[in-house]
């Protein structure tokens, strides 16, 4: 698969439990950004020690696209992505809505994972858009379930992913 001219592939990274001690009490949470080196061949000692800093230096000085510098992303997949299980807190102060999103951890406690901030004047429109999305998802699930039941009466499971424009 390619992305912007570079070859990419989906990878799962596991961290050795002994290495977690070196985090100094910091907790790893889903959605955190990270960097991993994947060994695909042998290198000389010089390449092994110098390549990571050179790669980092090259990324640091890479010019961004003009649209990214203006703050308007070209594509939605370039925006920060948050995965949340729900809302921990919501409040309005001085005409600004702040909604704190949370993730439920293994111990059952929700921790903050991000915040949505918007002008109070936009809250009704945002809520309407979300309600419309829920309605579309419900319609698609019902449609997919009906098709699945018509095709095979024993299999009534709807697909788990839909794409909306």
N, C-alpha and C. Protein backbone atom coordinates (compact mmCIF):
# COMPACT_ATOMS: atom_id res chain seq x y z
N UNK A 1 0.86 -1.16 0.00
CA UNK A 1 0.00 0.00 0.00
C UNK A 1 0.91 1.23 0.00
N UNK A 2 0.50 2.30 -0.65
CA UNK A 2 1.30 3.52 -0.67
C UNK A 2 0.52 4.68 -0.09
N UNK A 3 1.24 5.63 0.47
CA UNK A 3 0.64 6.82 1.06
C UNK A 3 1.57 7.98 0.75
N UNK A 4 1.15 8.87 -0.14
CA UNK A 4 1.98 10.01 -0.49
C UNK A 4 3.28 9.61 -1.13
N UNK A 5 3.30 8.51 -1.86
CA UNK A 5 4.51 8.08 -2.54
C UNK A 5 5.38 7.15 -1.71
N UNK A 6 5.10 6.99 -0.43
CA UNK A 6 5.90 6.11 0.42
C UNK A 6 5.15 4.81 0.65
N UNK A 7 5.89 3.72 0.73
CA UNK A 7 5.26 2.44 1.02
C UNK A 7 4.95 2.36 2.50
N UNK A 8 3.76 1.91 2.83
CA UNK A 8 3.36 1.77 4.23
C UNK A 8 2.69 0.43 4.42
N UNK A 9 2.71 -0.06 5.66
CA UNK A 9 1.99 -1.27 5.99
C UNK A 9 1.53 -1.18 7.44
N UNK A 10 0.43 -1.83 7.75
CA UNK A 10 -0.10 -1.83 9.12
C UNK A 10 0.77 -2.77 9.95
N UNK A 11 1.14 -2.31 11.13
CA UNK A 11 2.03 -3.08 12.00
C UNK A 11 1.51 -3.03 13.43
N UNK A 12 1.64 -4.12 14.13
CA UNK A 12 1.32 -4.16 15.56
C UNK A 12 2.64 -4.26 16.31
N UNK A 13 2.81 -3.40 17.31
CA UNK A 13 4.04 -3.35 18.08
C UNK A 13 3.74 -3.76 19.51
N UNK A 14 4.51 -4.69 20.04
CA UNK A 14 4.37 -5.11 21.44
C UNK A 14 5.59 -4.61 22.20
N UNK A 15 5.35 -4.11 23.39
CA UNK A 15 6.43 -3.60 24.22
C UNK A 15 6.73 -4.62 25.31
N UNK A 16 8.00 -4.96 25.45
CA UNK A 16 8.43 -5.91 26.46
C UNK A 16 8.13 -5.32 27.84
N UNK A 17 7.57 -6.13 28.73
CA UNK A 17 7.19 -5.66 30.06
C UNK A 17 8.38 -5.06 30.81
N UNK A 18 9.57 -5.61 30.60
CA UNK A 18 10.76 -5.08 31.27
C UNK A 18 11.07 -3.66 30.80
N UNK A 19 10.73 -3.35 29.56
CA UNK A 19 10.98 -2.01 29.02
C UNK A 19 10.01 -0.98 29.60
N UNK A 20 8.83 -1.41 30.03
CA UNK A 20 7.85 -0.48 30.60
C UNK A 20 8.36 0.17 31.86
N UNK A 21 9.30 -0.48 32.56
CA UNK A 21 9.89 0.09 33.77
C UNK A 21 10.61 1.39 33.45
N UNK A 22 11.17 1.48 32.25
CA UNK A 22 11.95 2.67 31.87
C UNK A 22 11.07 3.88 31.58
N UNK A 23 9.74 3.72 31.62
CA UNK A 23 8.84 4.84 31.35
C UNK A 23 8.75 5.81 32.52
N UNK A 24 9.25 5.41 33.67
CA UNK A 24 9.25 6.30 34.82
C UNK A 24 7.86 6.63 35.34
N UNK A 25 6.97 5.68 35.34
CA UNK A 25 5.62 5.91 35.87
C UNK A 25 4.63 6.42 34.84
N UNK A 26 5.07 6.79 33.65
CA UNK A 26 4.14 7.25 32.61
C UNK A 26 3.32 6.07 32.12
N UNK A 27 2.06 6.33 31.85
CA UNK A 27 1.16 5.26 31.40
C UNK A 27 0.99 5.32 29.89
N UNK A 28 1.02 4.16 29.26
CA UNK A 28 0.73 4.07 27.84
C UNK A 28 -0.77 3.94 27.68
N UNK A 29 -1.35 4.71 26.76
CA UNK A 29 -2.79 4.64 26.52
C UNK A 29 -3.05 4.48 25.04
N UNK A 30 -4.18 3.87 24.67
CA UNK A 30 -4.51 3.71 23.26
C UNK A 30 -4.56 5.06 22.57
N UNK A 31 -4.05 5.10 21.34
CA UNK A 31 -4.07 6.32 20.56
C UNK A 31 -2.84 7.19 20.70
N UNK A 32 -1.94 6.84 21.63
CA UNK A 32 -0.71 7.62 21.78
C UNK A 32 0.14 7.46 20.53
N UNK A 33 0.81 8.54 20.15
CA UNK A 33 1.71 8.46 19.01
C UNK A 33 3.05 7.89 19.48
N UNK A 34 3.70 7.21 18.60
CA UNK A 34 4.99 6.64 18.93
C UNK A 34 5.80 6.41 17.68
N UNK A 35 7.01 5.98 17.88
CA UNK A 35 7.89 5.70 16.75
C UNK A 35 8.55 4.36 17.01
N UNK A 36 8.61 3.53 16.01
CA UNK A 36 9.22 2.21 16.15
C UNK A 36 10.18 1.98 15.00
N UNK A 37 11.28 1.34 15.30
CA UNK A 37 12.23 0.95 14.25
C UNK A 37 12.00 -0.53 13.99
N UNK A 38 11.76 -0.86 12.75
CA UNK A 38 11.51 -2.25 12.37
C UNK A 38 12.73 -2.74 11.61
N UNK A 39 13.37 -3.77 12.14
CA UNK A 39 14.57 -4.30 11.53
C UNK A 39 14.19 -5.13 10.31
N UNK A 40 14.76 -4.76 9.17
CA UNK A 40 14.48 -5.50 7.94
C UNK A 40 15.76 -5.99 7.28
N UNK A 41 16.88 -5.76 7.92
CA UNK A 41 18.15 -6.19 7.35
C UNK A 41 19.29 -5.80 8.27
N UNK A 42 20.51 -6.09 7.83
CA UNK A 42 21.68 -5.77 8.63
C UNK A 42 22.26 -4.44 8.19
N UNK A 43 22.87 -3.73 9.15
CA UNK A 43 23.52 -2.46 8.87
C UNK A 43 24.87 -2.44 9.58
N UNK A 44 25.71 -1.52 9.14
CA UNK A 44 26.98 -1.33 9.82
C UNK A 44 26.74 -0.58 11.12
N UNK A 45 27.72 -0.59 12.00
CA UNK A 45 27.59 0.14 13.26
C UNK A 45 27.32 1.62 12.99
N UNK A 46 28.01 2.19 12.03
CA UNK A 46 27.83 3.60 11.68
C UNK A 46 26.39 3.87 11.23
N UNK A 47 25.86 3.04 10.37
CA UNK A 47 24.48 3.21 9.91
C UNK A 47 23.50 3.05 11.08
N UNK A 48 23.77 2.11 11.95
CA UNK A 48 22.89 1.84 13.08
C UNK A 48 22.82 3.03 14.03
N UNK A 49 23.97 3.68 14.28
CA UNK A 49 24.00 4.78 15.24
C UNK A 49 23.61 6.12 14.63
N UNK A 50 23.89 6.33 13.35
CA UNK A 50 23.66 7.63 12.74
C UNK A 50 22.33 7.77 12.00
N UNK A 51 21.74 6.67 11.54
CA UNK A 51 20.53 6.77 10.74
C UNK A 51 19.34 7.36 11.50
N UNK A 52 19.05 6.92 12.74
CA UNK A 52 17.90 7.51 13.44
C UNK A 52 17.98 9.03 13.62
N UNK A 53 19.12 9.59 14.06
CA UNK A 53 19.18 11.05 14.15
C UNK A 53 19.05 11.74 12.78
N UNK A 54 19.63 11.14 11.76
CA UNK A 54 19.51 11.73 10.42
C UNK A 54 18.06 11.71 9.93
N UNK A 55 17.35 10.60 10.19
CA UNK A 55 15.94 10.51 9.81
C UNK A 55 15.11 11.54 10.56
N UNK A 56 15.38 11.68 11.85
CA UNK A 56 14.66 12.65 12.66
C UNK A 56 14.92 14.07 12.17
N UNK A 57 16.17 14.36 11.86
CA UNK A 57 16.55 15.67 11.35
C UNK A 57 15.85 15.95 10.02
N UNK A 58 15.78 14.95 9.15
CA UNK A 58 15.12 15.13 7.85
C UNK A 58 13.63 15.40 8.02
N UNK A 59 12.99 14.72 8.97
CA UNK A 59 11.55 14.95 9.21
C UNK A 59 11.33 16.34 9.79
N UNK A 60 12.23 16.80 10.65
CA UNK A 60 12.05 18.08 11.32
C UNK A 60 12.07 19.24 10.33
N UNK A 61 12.83 19.14 9.27
CA UNK A 61 12.96 20.25 8.34
C UNK A 61 12.22 20.05 7.04
N UNK A 62 11.37 19.04 6.98
CA UNK A 62 10.57 18.81 5.78
C UNK A 62 9.50 19.90 5.70
N UNK A 63 9.40 20.53 4.56
CA UNK A 63 8.42 21.60 4.39
C UNK A 63 7.03 21.01 4.30
N UNK A 64 6.10 21.66 5.00
CA UNK A 64 4.72 21.22 4.96
C UNK A 64 4.05 21.79 3.73
N UNK A 65 2.96 21.13 3.33
CA UNK A 65 2.17 21.63 2.21
C UNK A 65 1.60 23.00 2.59
N UNK A 66 1.43 23.91 1.63
CA UNK A 66 0.91 25.24 1.94
C UNK A 66 -0.41 25.19 2.71
N UNK A 67 -1.30 24.26 2.35
CA UNK A 67 -2.59 24.21 3.03
C UNK A 67 -2.43 23.80 4.49
N UNK A 68 -1.40 23.00 4.81
CA UNK A 68 -1.18 22.60 6.20
C UNK A 68 -0.64 23.78 7.00
N UNK A 69 0.19 24.62 6.38
CA UNK A 69 0.73 25.78 7.08
C UNK A 69 -0.38 26.77 7.41
N UNK A 70 -1.40 26.83 6.56
CA UNK A 70 -2.49 27.78 6.80
C UNK A 70 -3.46 27.27 7.86
N UNK A 71 -3.26 26.04 8.31
CA UNK A 71 -4.13 25.48 9.33
C UNK A 71 -5.33 24.74 8.77
N UNK A 72 -5.46 24.69 7.46
CA UNK A 72 -6.59 23.98 6.84
C UNK A 72 -6.05 22.70 6.23
N UNK A 73 -6.36 21.55 6.82
CA UNK A 73 -5.84 20.30 6.28
C UNK A 73 -6.45 19.96 4.93
N UNK A 74 -5.66 19.25 4.12
CA UNK A 74 -6.13 18.84 2.80
C UNK A 74 -7.15 17.73 2.92
N UNK A 75 -6.89 16.76 3.79
CA UNK A 75 -7.77 15.61 3.93
C UNK A 75 -8.06 15.36 5.40
N UNK A 76 -9.24 14.85 5.68
CA UNK A 76 -9.64 14.63 7.06
C UNK A 76 -8.74 13.62 7.77
N UNK A 77 -8.13 12.68 7.05
CA UNK A 77 -7.31 11.67 7.72
C UNK A 77 -6.00 12.25 8.24
N UNK A 78 -5.73 13.50 7.95
CA UNK A 78 -4.53 14.15 8.47
C UNK A 78 -4.81 14.91 9.75
N UNK A 79 -6.06 14.90 10.21
CA UNK A 79 -6.41 15.56 11.46
C UNK A 79 -6.07 14.65 12.63
N UNK A 80 -5.87 15.23 13.82
CA UNK A 80 -5.66 14.37 14.98
C UNK A 80 -6.86 13.45 15.19
N UNK A 81 -6.61 12.23 15.54
CA UNK A 81 -7.67 11.24 15.72
C UNK A 81 -7.74 10.83 17.19
N UNK A 82 -8.93 10.87 17.75
CA UNK A 82 -9.13 10.45 19.12
C UNK A 82 -10.12 9.30 19.14
N UNK A 83 -9.83 8.29 19.94
CA UNK A 83 -10.80 7.22 20.15
C UNK A 83 -11.33 7.40 21.55
N UNK A 84 -12.65 7.46 21.68
CA UNK A 84 -13.23 7.64 23.01
C UNK A 84 -14.42 6.71 23.19
N UNK A 85 -14.70 6.41 24.46
CA UNK A 85 -15.85 5.58 24.81
C UNK A 85 -17.05 6.43 25.18
N UNK A 86 -16.83 7.70 25.46
CA UNK A 86 -17.95 8.54 25.86
C UNK A 86 -17.48 9.90 26.33
N UNK A 87 -18.39 10.60 26.98
CA UNK A 87 -18.13 11.95 27.47
C UNK A 87 -17.97 11.89 28.99
N UNK A 88 -16.87 12.44 29.48
CA UNK A 88 -16.62 12.49 30.92
C UNK A 88 -17.28 13.73 31.52
N UNK A 89 -17.15 14.85 30.81
CA UNK A 89 -17.66 16.11 31.35
C UNK A 89 -17.96 17.06 30.20
N UNK A 90 -18.94 17.90 30.39
CA UNK A 90 -19.26 18.94 29.42
C UNK A 90 -19.66 20.19 30.19
N UNK A 91 -19.14 21.35 29.75
CA UNK A 91 -19.53 22.59 30.40
C UNK A 91 -19.47 23.75 29.41
N UNK A 92 -20.11 24.83 29.79
CA UNK A 92 -20.13 26.04 28.98
C UNK A 92 -19.64 27.18 29.85
N UNK A 93 -18.64 27.88 29.36
CA UNK A 93 -18.09 29.03 30.07
C UNK A 93 -17.84 30.14 29.07
N UNK A 94 -18.40 31.30 29.31
CA UNK A 94 -18.20 32.48 28.46
C UNK A 94 -18.51 32.19 26.99
N UNK A 95 -19.58 31.43 26.75
CA UNK A 95 -20.01 31.16 25.38
C UNK A 95 -19.19 30.11 24.65
N UNK A 96 -18.37 29.35 25.38
CA UNK A 96 -17.55 28.31 24.77
C UNK A 96 -17.91 26.96 25.40
N UNK A 97 -18.22 25.98 24.55
CA UNK A 97 -18.56 24.64 25.02
C UNK A 97 -17.29 23.81 25.06
N UNK A 98 -17.07 23.14 26.19
CA UNK A 98 -15.92 22.24 26.34
C UNK A 98 -16.46 20.86 26.70
N UNK A 99 -16.18 19.89 25.85
CA UNK A 99 -16.63 18.52 26.06
C UNK A 99 -15.39 17.65 26.21
N UNK A 100 -15.22 17.08 27.40
CA UNK A 100 -14.07 16.22 27.67
C UNK A 100 -14.43 14.78 27.32
N UNK A 101 -13.69 14.20 26.40
CA UNK A 101 -13.92 12.82 25.96
C UNK A 101 -13.09 11.87 26.81
N UNK A 102 -13.58 10.64 26.99
CA UNK A 102 -12.87 9.70 27.83
C UNK A 102 -12.78 8.31 27.24
N UNK A 103 -11.79 7.57 27.72
CA UNK A 103 -11.60 6.17 27.37
C UNK A 103 -11.69 5.37 28.66
N UNK A 104 -12.41 4.25 28.61
CA UNK A 104 -12.51 3.38 29.77
C UNK A 104 -11.31 2.43 29.73
N UNK A 105 -10.57 2.41 30.81
CA UNK A 105 -9.37 1.59 30.90
C UNK A 105 -9.74 0.20 31.44
N UNK A 106 -8.76 -0.67 31.54
CA UNK A 106 -8.97 -2.04 31.98
C UNK A 106 -9.57 -2.15 33.37
N UNK A 107 -9.28 -1.16 34.23
CA UNK A 107 -9.83 -1.19 35.59
C UNK A 107 -11.25 -0.63 35.67
N UNK A 108 -11.81 -0.25 34.50
CA UNK A 108 -13.18 0.27 34.47
C UNK A 108 -13.29 1.76 34.69
N UNK A 109 -12.20 2.43 34.94
CA UNK A 109 -12.21 3.88 35.17
C UNK A 109 -11.99 4.61 33.85
N UNK A 110 -12.72 5.70 33.67
CA UNK A 110 -12.56 6.51 32.46
C UNK A 110 -11.49 7.55 32.69
N UNK A 111 -10.62 7.71 31.69
CA UNK A 111 -9.60 8.76 31.76
C UNK A 111 -9.80 9.70 30.58
N UNK A 112 -9.50 10.98 30.76
CA UNK A 112 -9.65 11.93 29.65
C UNK A 112 -8.70 11.57 28.51
N UNK A 113 -9.20 11.67 27.27
CA UNK A 113 -8.34 11.39 26.12
C UNK A 113 -8.34 12.55 25.12
N UNK A 114 -9.17 13.54 25.33
CA UNK A 114 -9.20 14.68 24.43
C UNK A 114 -10.34 15.60 24.79
N UNK A 115 -10.40 16.71 24.08
CA UNK A 115 -11.43 17.68 24.35
C UNK A 115 -11.93 18.30 23.06
N UNK A 116 -13.25 18.45 22.97
CA UNK A 116 -13.86 19.14 21.84
C UNK A 116 -14.26 20.52 22.36
N UNK A 117 -13.83 21.56 21.66
CA UNK A 117 -14.14 22.93 22.07
C UNK A 117 -14.79 23.62 20.88
N UNK A 118 -15.98 24.21 21.11
CA UNK A 118 -16.66 24.91 20.03
C UNK A 118 -17.48 26.06 20.60
N UNK A 119 -17.76 27.06 19.77
CA UNK A 119 -18.59 28.17 20.24
C UNK A 119 -19.99 27.67 20.57
N UNK A 120 -20.60 28.24 21.60
CA UNK A 120 -21.94 27.84 22.01
C UNK A 120 -22.93 27.97 20.85
N UNK A 121 -22.73 28.95 20.00
CA UNK A 121 -23.63 29.16 18.86
C UNK A 121 -23.59 27.99 17.89
N UNK A 122 -22.54 27.18 17.91
CA UNK A 122 -22.41 26.03 17.01
C UNK A 122 -22.91 24.73 17.63
N UNK A 123 -23.26 24.75 18.91
CA UNK A 123 -23.65 23.52 19.61
C UNK A 123 -24.89 22.87 18.99
N UNK A 124 -25.91 23.65 18.71
CA UNK A 124 -27.15 23.08 18.15
C UNK A 124 -26.88 22.43 16.79
N UNK A 125 -26.12 23.08 15.93
CA UNK A 125 -25.79 22.52 14.62
C UNK A 125 -24.97 21.25 14.73
N UNK A 126 -24.02 21.24 15.67
CA UNK A 126 -23.18 20.06 15.89
C UNK A 126 -24.02 18.91 16.41
N UNK A 127 -24.92 19.19 17.36
CA UNK A 127 -25.79 18.15 17.91
C UNK A 127 -26.72 17.60 16.83
N UNK A 128 -27.22 18.47 15.96
CA UNK A 128 -28.09 18.03 14.86
C UNK A 128 -27.32 17.13 13.91
N UNK A 129 -26.08 17.51 13.59
CA UNK A 129 -25.26 16.70 12.69
C UNK A 129 -24.99 15.32 13.30
N UNK A 130 -24.71 15.27 14.60
CA UNK A 130 -24.46 13.99 15.27
C UNK A 130 -25.74 13.15 15.29
N UNK A 131 -26.88 13.77 15.55
CA UNK A 131 -28.16 13.04 15.56
C UNK A 131 -28.45 12.48 14.18
N UNK A 132 -28.16 13.26 13.12
CA UNK A 132 -28.35 12.78 11.76
C UNK A 132 -27.44 11.60 11.46
N UNK A 133 -26.21 11.64 11.95
CA UNK A 133 -25.28 10.52 11.75
C UNK A 133 -25.80 9.27 12.44
N UNK A 134 -26.29 9.40 13.66
CA UNK A 134 -26.85 8.25 14.37
C UNK A 134 -28.02 7.67 13.59
N UNK A 135 -28.87 8.53 13.05
CA UNK A 135 -30.02 8.08 12.27
C UNK A 135 -29.55 7.32 11.01
N UNK A 136 -28.54 7.86 10.32
CA UNK A 136 -28.00 7.20 9.13
C UNK A 136 -27.42 5.82 9.48
N UNK A 137 -26.70 5.75 10.58
CA UNK A 137 -26.11 4.47 11.00
C UNK A 137 -27.21 3.46 11.30
N UNK A 138 -28.25 3.89 12.02
CA UNK A 138 -29.36 2.99 12.33
C UNK A 138 -30.04 2.50 11.06
N UNK A 139 -30.23 3.40 10.09
CA UNK A 139 -30.86 3.00 8.82
C UNK A 139 -29.98 2.00 8.08
N UNK A 140 -28.67 2.24 8.04
CA UNK A 140 -27.77 1.33 7.34
C UNK A 140 -27.73 -0.03 8.02
N UNK A 141 -27.72 -0.03 9.33
CA UNK A 141 -27.71 -1.32 10.05
C UNK A 141 -28.99 -2.09 9.77
N UNK A 142 -30.11 -1.39 9.80
CA UNK A 142 -31.39 -2.04 9.53
C UNK A 142 -31.42 -2.59 8.10
N UNK A 143 -30.94 -1.80 7.15
CA UNK A 143 -30.89 -2.22 5.75
C UNK A 143 -29.98 -3.43 5.57
N UNK A 144 -28.80 -3.39 6.16
CA UNK A 144 -27.85 -4.49 6.04
C UNK A 144 -28.38 -5.76 6.71
N UNK A 145 -29.03 -5.59 7.85
CA UNK A 145 -29.61 -6.74 8.55
C UNK A 145 -30.71 -7.37 7.72
N UNK A 146 -31.55 -6.54 7.11
CA UNK A 146 -32.64 -7.05 6.26
C UNK A 146 -32.08 -7.83 5.08
N UNK A 147 -31.03 -7.28 4.44
CA UNK A 147 -30.41 -7.97 3.30
C UNK A 147 -29.79 -9.29 3.73
N UNK A 148 -29.12 -9.29 4.88
CA UNK A 148 -28.48 -10.51 5.38
C UNK A 148 -29.52 -11.58 5.70
N UNK A 149 -30.64 -11.17 6.28
CA UNK A 149 -31.69 -12.13 6.62
C UNK A 149 -32.36 -12.67 5.37
N UNK A 150 -32.50 -11.82 4.35
CA UNK A 150 -33.10 -12.28 3.10
C UNK A 150 -32.19 -13.27 2.39
N UNK A 151 -30.87 -13.04 2.44
CA UNK A 151 -29.90 -13.91 1.77
C UNK A 151 -29.74 -15.23 2.52
N UNK A 152 -29.63 -15.16 3.82
CA UNK A 152 -29.46 -16.36 4.65
C UNK A 152 -30.23 -16.14 5.94
N UNK A 153 -31.38 -16.71 6.07
CA UNK A 153 -32.23 -16.48 7.25
C UNK A 153 -31.55 -16.76 8.58
N UNK A 154 -30.54 -17.63 8.61
CA UNK A 154 -29.86 -17.95 9.87
C UNK A 154 -28.86 -16.88 10.27
N UNK A 155 -28.32 -16.13 9.30
CA UNK A 155 -27.28 -15.13 9.59
C UNK A 155 -27.92 -13.75 9.61
N UNK A 156 -28.10 -13.18 10.79
CA UNK A 156 -28.73 -11.88 10.90
C UNK A 156 -27.78 -10.81 11.39
N UNK A 157 -26.48 -11.00 11.19
CA UNK A 157 -25.51 -10.04 11.69
C UNK A 157 -25.25 -8.94 10.67
N UNK A 158 -25.29 -7.70 11.13
CA UNK A 158 -25.02 -6.55 10.26
C UNK A 158 -23.52 -6.29 10.20
N UNK A 159 -23.05 -5.66 9.13
CA UNK A 159 -21.63 -5.33 9.04
C UNK A 159 -21.24 -4.35 10.14
N UNK A 160 -19.94 -4.33 10.50
CA UNK A 160 -19.50 -3.47 11.59
C UNK A 160 -18.92 -2.16 11.10
N UNK A 161 -18.88 -1.90 9.79
CA UNK A 161 -18.31 -0.64 9.31
C UNK A 161 -19.13 -0.10 8.15
N UNK A 162 -19.30 1.20 8.13
CA UNK A 162 -20.00 1.89 7.05
C UNK A 162 -19.20 3.13 6.70
N UNK A 163 -19.32 3.62 5.49
CA UNK A 163 -18.64 4.83 5.07
C UNK A 163 -19.69 5.88 4.73
N UNK A 164 -19.53 7.08 5.27
CA UNK A 164 -20.47 8.17 5.02
C UNK A 164 -19.72 9.32 4.35
N UNK A 165 -20.41 10.04 3.51
CA UNK A 165 -19.75 11.19 2.88
C UNK A 165 -20.30 12.46 3.43
